[in-house]
Amino acid sequence: MACYVYVLGSEQSGVWRSYVGWTTDLEQRLARHNAGTGAKSTRGRVWALVYAERFKTRSEAMSREWHLKRDRAFRKALGAGTGP
């Protein structure tokens, strides 16, 4: 089963936020975040998928997620096209 690492982006009141996670179903996971049933830190915002990578195993996806969560420069660059 394929696993995905994803980055969600949301802009609210001129403030860009990103969220990194992993899943086996990107569409379902995005819907859960936007419905308020995803991670607690994503509630109350409208999220868009801004980046995704596919992996063959869960452990590969989780390892990449760990690295992306710490790569603030990469996440900030994804949101550079948004804002005023």
Protein backbone atom coordinates (compact mmCIF):
# COMPACT_ATOMS: atom_id res chain seq x y z
CA MET A 1 0.00 0.00 0.00
CA ALA A 2 1.37 3.41 -0.97
CA CYS A 3 1.97 5.99 1.73
CA TYR A 4 2.16 9.73 1.24
CA VAL A 5 3.84 12.57 3.06
CA TYR A 6 1.97 15.79 2.58
CA VAL A 7 2.21 19.47 3.39
CA LEU A 8 -0.95 21.45 3.91
CA GLY A 9 -1.04 25.21 3.73
CA SER A 10 -3.48 27.75 5.10
CA GLU A 11 -3.51 31.52 5.12
CA GLN A 12 -5.69 33.35 7.60
CA SER A 13 -5.51 37.06 8.43
CA GLY A 14 -2.32 37.32 6.37
CA VAL A 15 -0.56 34.60 8.37
CA TRP A 16 0.70 31.51 6.50
CA ARG A 17 0.70 28.20 8.35
CA SER A 18 1.77 24.79 7.21
CA TYR A 19 1.19 21.30 8.51
CA VAL A 20 3.12 18.13 7.67
CA GLY A 21 1.69 14.63 7.99
CA TRP A 22 1.54 11.21 6.36
CA THR A 23 -1.36 9.09 5.16
CA THR A 24 -2.43 6.33 2.80
CA ASP A 25 -5.29 8.42 1.34
CA LEU A 26 -4.57 12.08 0.56
CA GLU A 27 -8.11 13.13 -0.37
CA GLN A 28 -9.68 11.58 2.71
CA ARG A 29 -7.02 13.05 5.00
CA LEU A 30 -7.43 16.57 3.60
CA ALA A 31 -11.21 16.27 4.02
CA ARG A 32 -10.75 15.23 7.66
CA HIS A 33 -8.46 18.19 8.37
CA ASN A 34 -10.95 20.61 6.81
CA ALA A 35 -13.85 19.00 8.68
CA GLY A 36 -12.10 19.59 12.00
CA THR A 37 -11.51 15.90 12.70
CA GLY A 38 -7.83 15.85 11.75
CA ALA A 39 -4.96 16.86 13.98
CA LYS A 40 -5.88 19.25 16.79
CA SER A 41 -3.46 21.90 15.48
CA THR A 42 -5.28 22.05 12.12
CA ARG A 43 -8.76 22.78 13.47
CA GLY A 44 -10.46 26.04 12.62
CA ARG A 45 -8.65 26.63 9.33
CA VAL A 46 -9.26 25.86 5.68
CA TRP A 47 -6.35 23.81 4.36
CA ALA A 48 -5.09 23.15 0.85
CA LEU A 49 -2.67 20.45 -0.26
CA VAL A 50 0.50 22.25 -1.36
CA TYR A 51 2.97 19.35 -1.60
CA ALA A 52 3.00 15.54 -1.52
CA GLU A 53 5.48 12.69 -1.99
CA ARG A 54 4.68 8.99 -2.48
CA PHE A 55 6.53 6.16 -0.71
CA LYS A 56 6.31 2.39 -0.85
CA THR A 57 6.42 1.84 2.91
CA ARG A 58 5.07 3.45 6.02
CA SER A 59 8.52 3.71 7.58
CA GLU A 60 9.88 5.63 4.56
CA ALA A 61 6.95 8.04 4.73
CA MET A 62 7.31 8.54 8.47
CA SER A 63 11.03 9.20 8.12
CA ARG A 64 10.44 11.81 5.42
CA GLU A 65 7.67 13.38 7.52
CA TRP A 66 10.11 13.75 10.41
CA HIS A 67 12.59 15.56 8.16
CA LEU A 68 10.00 17.86 6.57
CA LYS A 69 8.60 18.86 9.96
CA ARG A 70 12.04 20.22 10.80
CA ASP A 71 12.70 21.88 7.44
CA ARG A 72 11.10 25.27 8.08
CA ALA A 73 12.84 26.87 5.08
CA PHE A 74 11.22 24.36 2.72
CA ARG A 75 7.79 24.85 4.28
CA LYS A 76 8.14 28.63 4.20
CA ALA A 77 9.11 28.50 0.50
CA LEU A 78 5.91 26.57 -0.25
CA GLY A 79 3.90 29.46 1.16
CA ALA A 80 5.94 32.20 -0.51
CA GLY A 81 3.44 32.51 -3.34
CA THR A 82 0.62 33.42 -0.96
CA GLY A 83 -0.15 36.58 0.91
CA PRO A 84 -0.61 40.23 0.03
